[in-house]
C-alpha cells in the first residue's frame, strides 16, 4: 500500500513528514480561526483557511 510518509514512494514528501507535522503554518491559522470564531459561524468564516491547509497537505501527497 502507498505510504505518503515514505520518501521512496512519495517524492512530494522528501523529508518523510507525517500528517501531524506537515503544513504547520496553514494548520495553525486554521486552528486559530476555529478557536476564535463562534461555532455557528466557523465553517463559513474559516473555509478559506481550511482549503489552504487541504491544498498544502495534498502538495505533500496526502489524500485529504
PDB file of N, CA and C in Angstrom:
ATOM      1  N   UNK A   1       0.829  -1.214   0.000  1.00  0.00           N
ATOM      2  CA  UNK A   1       0.000   0.000   0.000  1.00  0.00           C
ATOM      3  C   UNK A   1       0.862   1.263   0.000  1.00  0.00           C
ATOM      4  N   UNK A   2       0.330   2.312  -0.600  1.00  0.00           N
ATOM      5  CA  UNK A   2       1.032   3.597  -0.694  1.00  0.00           C
ATOM      6  C   UNK A   2       1.173   4.234   0.678  1.00  0.00           C
ATOM      7  N   UNK A   3       2.387   4.640   1.012  1.00  0.00           N
ATOM      8  CA  UNK A   3       2.656   5.323   2.281  1.00  0.00           C
ATOM      9  C   UNK A   3       3.170   6.722   1.967  1.00  0.00           C
ATOM     10  N   UNK A   4       2.337   7.761   2.161  1.00  0.00           N
ATOM     11  CA  UNK A   4       2.759   9.118   1.813  1.00  0.00           C
ATOM     12  C   UNK A   4       3.914   9.633   2.663  1.00  0.00           C
ATOM     13  N   UNK A   5       4.229   8.954   3.767  1.00  0.00           N
ATOM     14  CA  UNK A   5       5.347   9.387   4.602  1.00  0.00           C
ATOM     15  C   UNK A   5       6.665   8.736   4.193  1.00  0.00           C
ATOM     16  N   UNK A   6       6.639   7.845   3.221  1.00  0.00           N
ATOM     17  CA  UNK A   6       7.842   7.161   2.752  1.00  0.00           C
ATOM     18  C   UNK A   6       8.410   7.901   1.540  1.00  0.00           C
ATOM     19  N   UNK A   7       9.550   8.570   1.709  1.00  0.00           N
ATOM     20  CA  UNK A   7      10.113   9.335   0.593  1.00  0.00           C
ATOM     21  C   UNK A   7      10.401   8.492  -0.652  1.00  0.00           C
ATOM     22  N   UNK A   8      10.628   7.204  -0.480  1.00  0.00           N
ATOM     23  CA  UNK A   8      10.875   6.349  -1.644  1.00  0.00           C
ATOM     24  C   UNK A   8       9.610   6.171  -2.472  1.00  0.00           C
ATOM     25  N   UNK A   9       8.455   6.185  -1.818  1.00  0.00           N
ATOM     26  CA  UNK A   9       7.180   6.034  -2.522  1.00  0.00           C
ATOM     27  C   UNK A   9       6.590   7.386  -2.921  1.00  0.00           C
ATOM     28  N   UNK A  10       6.938   8.431  -2.188  1.00  0.00           N
ATOM     29  CA  UNK A  10       6.296   9.725  -2.388  1.00  0.00           C
ATOM     30  C   UNK A  10       7.331  10.832  -2.546  1.00  0.00           C
ATOM     31  N   UNK A  11       7.684  11.177  -3.773  1.00  0.00           N
ATOM     32  CA  UNK A  11       8.676  12.240  -3.982  1.00  0.00           C
ATOM     33  C   UNK A  11       8.187  13.622  -3.548  1.00  0.00           C
ATOM     34  N   UNK A  12       6.887  13.792  -3.343  1.00  0.00           N
ATOM     35  CA  UNK A  12       6.353  15.075  -2.887  1.00  0.00           C
ATOM     36  C   UNK A  12       6.694  15.336  -1.419  1.00  0.00           C
ATOM     37  N   UNK A  13       7.101  14.300  -0.704  1.00  0.00           N
ATOM     38  CA  UNK A  13       7.393  14.404   0.724  1.00  0.00           C
ATOM     39  C   UNK A  13       8.802  13.860   1.005  1.00  0.00           C
ATOM     40  N   UNK A  14       9.840  14.565   0.517  1.00  0.00           N
ATOM     41  CA  UNK A  14      11.205  14.027   0.635  1.00  0.00           C
ATOM     42  C   UNK A  14      11.707  13.902   2.070  1.00  0.00           C
ATOM     43  N   UNK A  15      11.118  14.661   3.004  1.00  0.00           N
ATOM     44  CA  UNK A  15      11.549  14.579   4.405  1.00  0.00           C
ATOM     45  C   UNK A  15      10.795  13.519   5.186  1.00  0.00           C
ATOM     46  N   UNK A  16       9.784  12.902   4.575  1.00  0.00           N
ATOM     47  CA  UNK A  16       9.015  11.866   5.253  1.00  0.00           C
ATOM     48  C   UNK A  16       8.149  12.393   6.375  1.00  0.00           C
ATOM     49  N   UNK A  17       7.629  13.609   6.202  1.00  0.00           N
ATOM     50  CA  UNK A  17       6.789  14.206   7.238  1.00  0.00           C
ATOM     51  C   UNK A  17       5.504  13.419   7.436  1.00  0.00           C
ATOM     52  N   UNK A  18       5.080  13.321   8.685  1.00  0.00           N
ATOM     53  CA  UNK A  18       3.784  12.720   8.990  1.00  0.00           C
ATOM     54  C   UNK A  18       2.718  13.807   8.878  1.00  0.00           C
ATOM     55  N   UNK A  19       1.451  13.427   8.697  1.00  0.00           N
ATOM     56  CA  UNK A  19       0.399  14.440   8.528  1.00  0.00           C
ATOM     57  C   UNK A  19       0.352  15.471   9.655  1.00  0.00           C
ATOM     58  N   UNK A  20       0.648  15.048  10.868  1.00  0.00           N
ATOM     59  CA  UNK A  20       0.582  15.979  12.001  1.00  0.00           C
ATOM     60  C   UNK A  20       1.644  17.064  11.928  1.00  0.00           C
ATOM     61  N   UNK A  21       2.720  16.812  11.196  1.00  0.00           N
ATOM     62  CA  UNK A  21       3.855  17.738  11.163  1.00  0.00           C
ATOM     63  C   UNK A  21       3.959  18.512   9.852  1.00  0.00           C
ATOM     64  N   UNK A  22       3.180  18.134   8.872  1.00  0.00           N
ATOM     65  CA  UNK A  22       3.208  18.823   7.584  1.00  0.00           C
ATOM     66  C   UNK A  22       2.360  20.094   7.670  1.00  0.00           C
ATOM     67  N   UNK A  23       2.752  21.100   6.968  1.00  0.00           N
ATOM     68  CA  UNK A  23       1.975  22.345   6.828  1.00  0.00           C
ATOM     69  C   UNK A  23       1.653  23.025   8.162  1.00  0.00           C
ATOM     70  N   UNK A  24       2.644  23.276   9.016  1.00  0.00           N
ATOM     71  CA  UNK A  24       2.336  23.881  10.318  1.00  0.00           C
ATOM     72  C   UNK A  24       1.738  25.284  10.219  1.00  0.00           C
ATOM     73  N   UNK A  25       2.116  26.039   9.179  1.00  0.00           N
ATOM     74  CA  UNK A  25       1.593  27.401   9.059  1.00  0.00           C
ATOM     75  C   UNK A  25       0.094  27.408   8.777  1.00  0.00           C
ATOM     76  N   UNK A  26      -0.329  26.602   7.797  1.00  0.00           N
ATOM     77  CA  UNK A  26      -1.754  26.596   7.464  1.00  0.00           C
ATOM     78  C   UNK A  26      -2.565  25.892   8.543  1.00  0.00           C
ATOM     79  N   UNK A  27      -1.969  24.906   9.194  1.00  0.00           N
ATOM     80  CA  UNK A  27      -2.666  24.201  10.277  1.00  0.00           C
ATOM     81  C   UNK A  27      -2.928  25.156  11.439  1.00  0.00           C
ATOM     82  N   UNK A  28      -1.926  25.931  11.806  1.00  0.00           N
ATOM     83  CA  UNK A  28      -2.049  26.868  12.919  1.00  0.00           C
ATOM     84  C   UNK A  28      -3.098  27.941  12.614  1.00  0.00           C
ATOM     85  N   UNK A  29      -3.062  28.491  11.406  1.00  0.00           N
ATOM     86  CA  UNK A  29      -4.029  29.523  11.029  1.00  0.00           C
ATOM     87  C   UNK A  29      -5.449  28.962  11.046  1.00  0.00           C
ATOM     88  N   UNK A  30      -5.609  27.759  10.531  1.00  0.00           N
ATOM     89  CA  UNK A  30      -6.927  27.108  10.524  1.00  0.00           C
ATOM     90  C   UNK A  30      -7.427  26.894  11.951  1.00  0.00           C
ATOM     91  N   UNK A  31      -6.561  26.339  12.798  1.00  0.00           N
ATOM     92  CA  UNK A  31      -6.959  26.057  14.173  1.00  0.00           C
ATOM     93  C   UNK A  31      -7.295  27.337  14.934  1.00  0.00           C
ATOM     94  N   UNK A  32      -6.477  28.382  14.757  1.00  0.00           N
ATOM     95  CA  UNK A  32      -6.754  29.655  15.430  1.00  0.00           C
ATOM     96  C   UNK A  32      -8.108  30.206  15.019  1.00  0.00           C
ATOM     97  N   UNK A  33      -8.419  30.093  13.736  1.00  0.00           N
ATOM     98  CA  UNK A  33      -9.708  30.589  13.251  1.00  0.00           C
ATOM     99  C   UNK A  33     -10.859  29.876  13.951  1.00  0.00           C
ATOM    100  N   UNK A  34     -10.779  28.562  14.033  1.00  0.00           N
ATOM    101  CA  UNK A  34     -11.861  27.809  14.672  1.00  0.00           C
ATOM    102  C   UNK A  34     -11.956  28.112  16.167  1.00  0.00           C
ATOM    103  N   UNK A  35     -10.822  28.351  16.812  1.00  0.00           N
ATOM    104  CA  UNK A  35     -10.832  28.631  18.244  1.00  0.00           C
ATOM    105  C   UNK A  35     -11.380  30.031  18.548  1.00  0.00           C
ATOM    106  N   UNK A  36     -11.175  30.976  17.635  1.00  0.00           N
ATOM    107  CA  UNK A  36     -11.563  32.367  17.884  1.00  0.00           C
ATOM    108  C   UNK A  36     -12.909  32.745  17.272  1.00  0.00           C
ATOM    109  N   UNK A  37     -13.515  31.837  16.537  1.00  0.00           N
ATOM    110  CA  UNK A  37     -14.776  32.125  15.847  1.00  0.00           C
ATOM    111  C   UNK A  37     -15.904  31.342  16.488  1.00  0.00           C
ATOM    112  N   UNK A  38     -17.044  31.975  16.634  1.00  0.00           N
ATOM    113  CA  UNK A  38     -18.222  31.301  17.172  1.00  0.00           C
ATOM    114  C   UNK A  38     -18.526  30.074  16.321  1.00  0.00           C
ATOM    115  N   UNK A  39     -18.859  28.982  16.987  1.00  0.00           N
ATOM    116  CA  UNK A  39     -19.049  27.711  16.278  1.00  0.00           C
ATOM    117  C   UNK A  39     -20.124  27.790  15.201  1.00  0.00           C
ATOM    118  N   UNK A  40     -21.114  28.654  15.388  1.00  0.00           N
ATOM    119  CA  UNK A  40     -22.179  28.756  14.387  1.00  0.00           C
ATOM    120  C   UNK A  40     -21.695  29.442  13.106  1.00  0.00           C
ATOM    121  N   UNK A  41     -20.577  30.160  13.175  1.00  0.00           N
ATOM    122  CA  UNK A  41     -20.063  30.876  12.016  1.00  0.00           C
ATOM    123  C   UNK A  41     -18.732  30.323  11.518  1.00  0.00           C
ATOM    124  N   UNK A  42     -18.115  29.431  12.271  1.00  0.00           N
ATOM    125  CA  UNK A  42     -16.752  28.982  11.967  1.00  0.00           C
ATOM    126  C   UNK A  42     -16.633  28.301  10.610  1.00  0.00           C
ATOM    127  N   UNK A  43     -17.575  27.458  10.255  1.00  0.00           N
ATOM    128  CA  UNK A  43     -17.471  26.747   8.974  1.00  0.00           C
ATOM    129  C   UNK A  43     -17.334  27.728   7.813  1.00  0.00           C
ATOM    130  N   UNK A  44     -18.144  28.789   7.842  1.00  0.00           N
ATOM    131  CA  UNK A  44     -18.115  29.755   6.748  1.00  0.00           C
ATOM    132  C   UNK A  44     -16.889  30.666   6.841  1.00  0.00           C
ATOM    133  N   UNK A  45     -16.605  31.179   8.032  1.00  0.00           N
ATOM    134  CA  UNK A  45     -15.516  32.147   8.193  1.00  0.00           C
ATOM    135  C   UNK A  45     -14.139  31.516   8.031  1.00  0.00           C
ATOM    136  N   UNK A  46     -14.001  30.231   8.318  1.00  0.00           N
ATOM    137  CA  UNK A  46     -12.702  29.569   8.261  1.00  0.00           C
ATOM    138  C   UNK A  46     -12.510  28.737   6.996  1.00  0.00           C
ATOM    139  N   UNK A  47     -13.499  28.750   6.119  1.00  0.00           N
ATOM    140  CA  UNK A  47     -13.473  27.888   4.933  1.00  0.00           C
ATOM    141  C   UNK A  47     -12.214  28.094   4.092  1.00  0.00           C
ATOM    142  N   UNK A  48     -11.819  29.335   3.855  1.00  0.00           N
ATOM    143  CA  UNK A  48     -10.650  29.596   3.009  1.00  0.00           C
ATOM    144  C   UNK A  48      -9.374  29.034   3.653  1.00  0.00           C
ATOM    145  N   UNK A  49      -9.250  29.177   4.977  1.00  0.00           N
ATOM    146  CA  UNK A  49      -8.072  28.638   5.671  1.00  0.00           C
ATOM    147  C   UNK A  49      -8.052  27.114   5.615  1.00  0.00           C
ATOM    148  N   UNK A  50      -9.220  26.508   5.711  1.00  0.00           N
ATOM    149  CA  UNK A  50      -9.316  25.053   5.603  1.00  0.00           C
ATOM    150  C   UNK A  50      -8.878  24.618   4.204  1.00  0.00           C
ATOM    151  N   UNK A  51      -9.341  25.325   3.189  1.00  0.00           N
ATOM    152  CA  UNK A  51      -8.979  24.983   1.811  1.00  0.00           C
ATOM    153  C   UNK A  51      -7.478  25.146   1.579  1.00  0.00           C
ATOM    154  N   UNK A  52      -6.875  26.179   2.163  1.00  0.00           N
ATOM    155  CA  UNK A  52      -5.434  26.374   2.030  1.00  0.00           C
ATOM    156  C   UNK A  52      -4.674  25.223   2.686  1.00  0.00           C
ATOM    157  N   UNK A  53      -5.155  24.768   3.840  1.00  0.00           N
ATOM    158  CA  UNK A  53      -4.492  23.663   4.528  1.00  0.00           C
ATOM    159  C   UNK A  53      -4.638  22.362   3.727  1.00  0.00           C
ATOM    160  N   UNK A  54      -5.807  22.123   3.185  1.00  0.00           N
ATOM    161  CA  UNK A  54      -6.025  20.932   2.363  1.00  0.00           C
ATOM    162  C   UNK A  54      -5.091  20.965   1.148  1.00  0.00           C
ATOM    163  N   UNK A  55      -4.973  22.114   0.512  1.00  0.00           N
ATOM    164  CA  UNK A  55      -4.099  22.236  -0.652  1.00  0.00           C
ATOM    165  C   UNK A  55      -2.644  21.959  -0.271  1.00  0.00           C
ATOM    166  N   UNK A  56      -2.229  22.460   0.873  1.00  0.00           N
ATOM    167  CA  UNK A  56      -0.865  22.217   1.334  1.00  0.00           C
ATOM    168  C   UNK A  56      -0.649  20.727   1.589  1.00  0.00           C
ATOM    169  N   UNK A  57      -1.574  20.090   2.277  1.00  0.00           N
ATOM    170  CA  UNK A  57      -1.447  18.659   2.574  1.00  0.00           C
ATOM    171  C   UNK A  57      -1.388  17.838   1.286  1.00  0.00           C
ATOM    172  N   UNK A  58      -2.228  18.187   0.322  1.00  0.00           N
ATOM    173  CA  UNK A  58      -2.204  17.473  -0.961  1.00  0.00           C
ATOM    174  C   UNK A  58      -0.883  17.694  -1.683  1.00  0.00           C
ATOM    175  N   UNK A  59      -0.275  18.859  -1.468  1.00  0.00           N
ATOM    176  CA  UNK A  59       1.022  19.154  -2.054  1.00  0.00           C
ATOM    177  C   UNK A  59       2.111  18.212  -1.553  1.00  0.00           C
ATOM    178  N   UNK A  60       1.904  17.651  -0.354  1.00  0.00           N
ATOM    179  CA  UNK A  60       2.828  16.668   0.192  1.00  0.00           C
ATOM    180  C   UNK A  60       2.418  15.248  -0.163  1.00  0.00           C
ATOM    181  N   UNK A  61       1.342  15.094  -0.912  1.00  0.00           N
ATOM    182  CA  UNK A  61       0.913  13.782  -1.359  1.00  0.00           C
ATOM    183  C   UNK A  61      -0.082  13.094  -0.441  1.00  0.00           C
ATOM    184  N   UNK A  62      -0.583  13.822   0.572  1.00  0.00           N
ATOM    185  CA  UNK A  62      -1.586  13.222   1.464  1.00  0.00           C
ATOM    186  C   UNK A  62      -2.952  13.298   0.807  1.00  0.00           C
ATOM    187  N   UNK A  63      -3.741  12.270   0.982  1.00  0.00           N
ATOM    188  CA  UNK A  63      -5.089  12.229   0.411  1.00  0.00           C
ATOM    189  C   UNK A  63      -6.065  12.734   1.474  1.00  0.00           C
ATOM    190  N   UNK A  64      -6.495  13.978   1.301  1.00  0.00           N
ATOM    191  CA  UNK A  64      -7.440  14.579   2.247  1.00  0.00           C
ATOM    192  C   UNK A  64      -8.631  15.135   1.509  1.00  0.00           C
TER     193      UNK A  64
END
